[in-house]
Amino acid sequence: MLMGRSSRRLSVLAIVFVVAEGALPVLVVIAMGRVTGAMPGAVVFGVSSSSGHRLLVSLAEAGGIYALSLMRGPLEDALRRAVRTAGPRLPLRGK
């Protein structure tokens, strides 16, 4: 609540970060499941088939989601620094 009074933008970023923190690991598992499911068709019909195309698209999606999940640490550090920087602007109670 206190951060909401200081900076609406930081509050929204914090909420988005918390949602992403919970959702990205689940999305990585789902995306890798899609990759695993697309493998048999690509093996049987080849990578140049529609099954192979589905595998490559699923692999690219999984890689992108995994890359985003790896960026959580640096993004958390940046958000923490931004909140600390905004800290002095927070109003003190009773003043």
N, C-alpha and C. Protein backbone atom coordinates (compact mmCIF):
# COMPACT_ATOMS: atom_id res chain seq x y z
N MET A 1 0.82 -1.18 0.00
CA MET A 1 0.00 0.00 0.00
C MET A 1 0.86 1.25 0.00
N LEU A 2 1.95 1.21 0.77
CA LEU A 2 2.82 2.37 0.86
C LEU A 2 3.48 2.65 -0.48
N MET A 3 3.89 1.59 -1.18
CA MET A 3 4.52 1.78 -2.47
C MET A 3 3.50 2.35 -3.47
N GLY A 4 2.24 1.98 -3.33
CA GLY A 4 1.21 2.50 -4.22
C GLY A 4 1.06 4.00 -4.11
N ARG A 5 1.26 4.53 -2.92
CA ARG A 5 1.18 5.99 -2.75
C ARG A 5 2.41 6.67 -3.32
N SER A 6 3.53 5.99 -3.31
CA SER A 6 4.77 6.58 -3.79
C SER A 6 4.84 6.59 -5.31
N SER A 7 4.58 5.45 -5.91
CA SER A 7 4.73 5.34 -7.35
C SER A 7 3.76 4.28 -7.89
N ARG A 8 2.79 4.73 -8.64
CA ARG A 8 1.83 3.80 -9.23
C ARG A 8 2.54 2.88 -10.22
N ARG A 9 3.49 3.41 -10.97
CA ARG A 9 4.22 2.62 -11.96
C ARG A 9 4.99 1.48 -11.29
N LEU A 10 5.68 1.78 -10.18
CA LEU A 10 6.40 0.73 -9.47
C LEU A 10 5.45 -0.31 -8.90
N SER A 11 4.30 0.13 -8.45
CA SER A 11 3.31 -0.82 -7.92
C SER A 11 2.83 -1.77 -9.01
N VAL A 12 2.54 -1.23 -10.18
CA VAL A 12 2.10 -2.07 -11.30
C VAL A 12 3.21 -3.02 -11.71
N LEU A 13 4.46 -2.53 -11.79
CA LEU A 13 5.58 -3.40 -12.14
C LEU A 13 5.77 -4.51 -11.11
N ALA A 14 5.60 -4.18 -9.84
CA ALA A 14 5.74 -5.20 -8.80
C ALA A 14 4.66 -6.27 -8.94
N ILE A 15 3.44 -5.86 -9.22
CA ILE A 15 2.35 -6.82 -9.40
C ILE A 15 2.61 -7.71 -10.61
N VAL A 16 3.03 -7.10 -11.71
CA VAL A 16 3.35 -7.87 -12.93
C VAL A 16 4.48 -8.86 -12.64
N PHE A 17 5.49 -8.40 -11.89
CA PHE A 17 6.62 -9.28 -11.56
C PHE A 17 6.16 -10.47 -10.73
N VAL A 18 5.31 -10.23 -9.74
CA VAL A 18 4.84 -11.33 -8.88
C VAL A 18 4.04 -12.34 -9.71
N VAL A 19 3.20 -11.86 -10.61
CA VAL A 19 2.43 -12.76 -11.47
C VAL A 19 3.37 -13.55 -12.38
N ALA A 20 4.35 -12.87 -12.97
CA ALA A 20 5.31 -13.55 -13.85
C ALA A 20 6.14 -14.55 -13.07
N GLU A 21 6.50 -14.21 -11.85
CA GLU A 21 7.28 -15.11 -11.00
C GLU A 21 6.55 -16.44 -10.79
N GLY A 22 5.26 -16.39 -10.68
CA GLY A 22 4.48 -17.61 -10.50
C GLY A 22 4.14 -18.31 -11.80
N ALA A 23 3.93 -17.54 -12.86
CA ALA A 23 3.45 -18.12 -14.11
C ALA A 23 4.57 -18.68 -15.00
N LEU A 24 5.73 -18.05 -15.02
CA LEU A 24 6.78 -18.47 -15.95
C LEU A 24 7.24 -19.91 -15.74
N PRO A 25 7.48 -20.37 -14.52
CA PRO A 25 7.89 -21.78 -14.39
C PRO A 25 6.84 -22.75 -14.92
N VAL A 26 5.59 -22.46 -14.69
CA VAL A 26 4.51 -23.32 -15.18
C VAL A 26 4.47 -23.29 -16.70
N LEU A 27 4.62 -22.10 -17.28
CA LEU A 27 4.62 -21.97 -18.74
C LEU A 27 5.79 -22.69 -19.38
N VAL A 28 6.94 -22.70 -18.72
CA VAL A 28 8.11 -23.43 -19.25
C VAL A 28 7.79 -24.93 -19.30
N VAL A 29 7.20 -25.45 -18.25
CA VAL A 29 6.87 -26.88 -18.22
C VAL A 29 5.85 -27.23 -19.30
N ILE A 30 4.83 -26.37 -19.45
CA ILE A 30 3.82 -26.61 -20.49
C ILE A 30 4.46 -26.57 -21.88
N ALA A 31 5.31 -25.57 -22.12
CA ALA A 31 5.95 -25.44 -23.44
C ALA A 31 6.87 -26.63 -23.72
N MET A 32 7.59 -27.10 -22.72
CA MET A 32 8.46 -28.26 -22.93
C MET A 32 7.63 -29.52 -23.15
N GLY A 33 6.47 -29.59 -22.55
CA GLY A 33 5.56 -30.71 -22.81
C GLY A 33 5.09 -30.72 -24.25
N ARG A 34 4.84 -29.52 -24.79
CA ARG A 34 4.45 -29.43 -26.20
C ARG A 34 5.60 -29.87 -27.11
N VAL A 35 6.83 -29.50 -26.73
CA VAL A 35 8.00 -29.95 -27.51
C VAL A 35 8.08 -31.47 -27.49
N THR A 36 7.94 -32.04 -26.32
CA THR A 36 8.01 -33.49 -26.19
C THR A 36 6.90 -34.18 -26.98
N GLY A 37 5.71 -33.60 -26.96
CA GLY A 37 4.60 -34.17 -27.72
C GLY A 37 4.77 -34.07 -29.22
N ALA A 38 5.52 -33.07 -29.68
CA ALA A 38 5.71 -32.89 -31.13
C ALA A 38 6.85 -33.74 -31.68
N MET A 39 7.68 -34.31 -30.82
CA MET A 39 8.85 -35.07 -31.28
C MET A 39 8.51 -36.33 -32.09
N PRO A 40 7.58 -37.17 -31.65
CA PRO A 40 7.34 -38.41 -32.41
C PRO A 40 6.95 -38.15 -33.87
N GLY A 41 6.07 -37.19 -34.10
CA GLY A 41 5.68 -36.89 -35.48
C GLY A 41 6.83 -36.37 -36.31
N ALA A 42 7.69 -35.55 -35.70
CA ALA A 42 8.85 -35.02 -36.42
C ALA A 42 9.86 -36.13 -36.73
N VAL A 43 9.98 -37.09 -35.84
CA VAL A 43 10.89 -38.22 -36.09
C VAL A 43 10.36 -39.09 -37.23
N VAL A 44 9.06 -39.35 -37.23
CA VAL A 44 8.48 -40.23 -38.24
C VAL A 44 8.42 -39.54 -39.60
N PHE A 45 7.96 -38.29 -39.64
CA PHE A 45 7.72 -37.62 -40.92
C PHE A 45 8.82 -36.65 -41.34
N GLY A 46 9.78 -36.38 -40.47
CA GLY A 46 10.90 -35.50 -40.81
C GLY A 46 10.66 -34.06 -40.35
N VAL A 47 11.76 -33.35 -40.24
CA VAL A 47 11.70 -31.98 -39.75
C VAL A 47 11.04 -31.05 -40.76
N SER A 48 11.09 -31.38 -42.04
CA SER A 48 10.48 -30.51 -43.05
C SER A 48 8.97 -30.72 -43.19
N SER A 49 8.42 -31.66 -42.46
CA SER A 49 6.97 -31.90 -42.49
C SER A 49 6.26 -30.92 -41.57
N SER A 50 4.93 -30.98 -41.59
CA SER A 50 4.16 -30.11 -40.69
C SER A 50 4.41 -30.48 -39.24
N SER A 51 4.65 -31.75 -38.97
CA SER A 51 4.98 -32.18 -37.60
C SER A 51 6.33 -31.62 -37.17
N GLY A 52 7.28 -31.60 -38.10
CA GLY A 52 8.59 -31.02 -37.81
C GLY A 52 8.49 -29.53 -37.59
N HIS A 53 7.65 -28.87 -38.38
CA HIS A 53 7.44 -27.43 -38.21
C HIS A 53 6.82 -27.15 -36.84
N ARG A 54 5.88 -27.96 -36.44
CA ARG A 54 5.26 -27.82 -35.12
C ARG A 54 6.30 -27.98 -34.01
N LEU A 55 7.21 -28.94 -34.19
CA LEU A 55 8.28 -29.15 -33.22
C LEU A 55 9.16 -27.92 -33.12
N LEU A 56 9.57 -27.37 -34.26
CA LEU A 56 10.46 -26.21 -34.25
C LEU A 56 9.79 -24.98 -33.64
N VAL A 57 8.52 -24.77 -33.95
CA VAL A 57 7.79 -23.64 -33.37
C VAL A 57 7.66 -23.84 -31.86
N SER A 58 7.32 -25.04 -31.44
CA SER A 58 7.19 -25.32 -30.00
C SER A 58 8.53 -25.14 -29.29
N LEU A 59 9.60 -25.55 -29.93
CA LEU A 59 10.94 -25.41 -29.34
C LEU A 59 11.32 -23.94 -29.23
N ALA A 60 11.00 -23.15 -30.24
CA ALA A 60 11.28 -21.71 -30.18
C ALA A 60 10.46 -21.04 -29.07
N GLU A 61 9.21 -21.41 -28.96
CA GLU A 61 8.36 -20.85 -27.88
C GLU A 61 8.92 -21.23 -26.51
N ALA A 62 9.28 -22.49 -26.34
CA ALA A 62 9.82 -22.95 -25.05
C ALA A 62 11.12 -22.23 -24.74
N GLY A 63 11.96 -22.05 -25.73
CA GLY A 63 13.22 -21.34 -25.52
C GLY A 63 12.99 -19.89 -25.11
N GLY A 64 12.03 -19.24 -25.75
CA GLY A 64 11.72 -17.85 -25.41
C GLY A 64 11.17 -17.71 -24.00
N ILE A 65 10.27 -18.61 -23.63
CA ILE A 65 9.70 -18.57 -22.28
C ILE A 65 10.78 -18.88 -21.25
N TYR A 66 11.66 -19.82 -21.56
CA TYR A 66 12.74 -20.16 -20.63
C TYR A 66 13.70 -18.99 -20.48
N ALA A 67 14.01 -18.30 -21.58
CA ALA A 67 14.87 -17.12 -21.51
C ALA A 67 14.25 -16.05 -20.62
N LEU A 68 12.94 -15.84 -20.76
CA LEU A 68 12.25 -14.89 -19.88
C LEU A 68 12.36 -15.31 -18.42
N SER A 69 12.24 -16.61 -18.17
CA SER A 69 12.32 -17.08 -16.78
C SER A 69 13.72 -16.87 -16.21
N LEU A 70 14.74 -16.92 -17.05
CA LEU A 70 16.11 -16.68 -16.59
C LEU A 70 16.34 -15.20 -16.26
N MET A 71 15.53 -14.33 -16.83
CA MET A 71 15.69 -12.90 -16.60
C MET A 71 15.00 -12.44 -15.31
N ARG A 72 14.33 -13.33 -14.61
CA ARG A 72 13.62 -12.94 -13.39
C ARG A 72 14.55 -12.38 -12.34
N GLY A 73 15.71 -12.98 -12.15
CA GLY A 73 16.67 -12.51 -11.13
C GLY A 73 17.14 -11.09 -11.39
N PRO A 74 17.69 -10.81 -12.58
CA PRO A 74 18.12 -9.44 -12.86
C PRO A 74 16.97 -8.44 -12.83
N LEU A 75 15.78 -8.84 -13.27
CA LEU A 75 14.64 -7.93 -13.21
C LEU A 75 14.22 -7.67 -11.77
N GLU A 76 14.31 -8.68 -10.93
CA GLU A 76 13.99 -8.48 -9.52
C GLU A 76 14.98 -7.50 -8.88
N ASP A 77 16.26 -7.64 -9.22
CA ASP A 77 17.27 -6.71 -8.69
C ASP A 77 16.98 -5.28 -9.12
N ALA A 78 16.63 -5.11 -10.39
CA ALA A 78 16.33 -3.77 -10.90
C ALA A 78 15.10 -3.19 -10.23
N LEU A 79 14.08 -4.00 -10.04
CA LEU A 79 12.86 -3.54 -9.37
C LEU A 79 13.16 -3.18 -7.91
N ARG A 80 13.97 -3.97 -7.26
CA ARG A 80 14.34 -3.69 -5.87
C ARG A 80 15.08 -2.36 -5.77
N ARG A 81 16.03 -2.12 -6.70
CA ARG A 81 16.76 -0.85 -6.70
C ARG A 81 15.82 0.32 -6.95
N ALA A 82 14.87 0.14 -7.84
CA ALA A 82 13.92 1.22 -8.14
C ALA A 82 13.05 1.53 -6.93
N VAL A 83 12.64 0.50 -6.21
CA VAL A 83 11.82 0.71 -5.01
C VAL A 83 12.65 1.40 -3.93
N ARG A 84 13.90 0.99 -3.77
CA ARG A 84 14.76 1.65 -2.77
C ARG A 84 15.01 3.10 -3.13
N THR A 85 15.16 3.39 -4.42
CA THR A 85 15.37 4.76 -4.86
C THR A 85 14.13 5.61 -4.59
N ALA A 86 12.97 5.03 -4.78
CA ALA A 86 11.73 5.75 -4.52
C ALA A 86 11.44 5.88 -3.05
N GLY A 87 12.12 5.10 -2.22
CA GLY A 87 11.88 5.09 -0.78
C GLY A 87 11.92 6.44 -0.12
N PRO A 88 12.93 7.27 -0.36
CA PRO A 88 12.97 8.57 0.32
C PRO A 88 11.77 9.47 0.00
N ARG A 89 11.09 9.22 -1.10
CA ARG A 89 9.94 10.04 -1.46
C ARG A 89 8.66 9.61 -0.74
N LEU A 90 8.75 8.48 -0.04
CA LEU A 90 7.56 7.99 0.66
C LEU A 90 7.22 8.94 1.80
N PRO A 91 5.96 9.31 1.93
CA PRO A 91 5.58 10.23 3.02
C PRO A 91 5.65 9.52 4.36
N LEU A 92 6.11 10.25 5.36
CA LEU A 92 6.15 9.71 6.72
C LEU A 92 4.81 9.91 7.37
N ARG A 93 4.42 8.96 8.19
CA ARG A 93 3.13 9.02 8.86
C ARG A 93 3.13 10.18 9.86
N GLY A 94 2.08 10.98 9.81
CA GLY A 94 1.94 12.09 10.74
C GLY A 94 2.60 13.37 10.27
N LYS A 95 3.21 13.37 9.11
CA LYS A 95 3.85 14.61 8.62
C LYS A 95 3.24 15.04 7.32
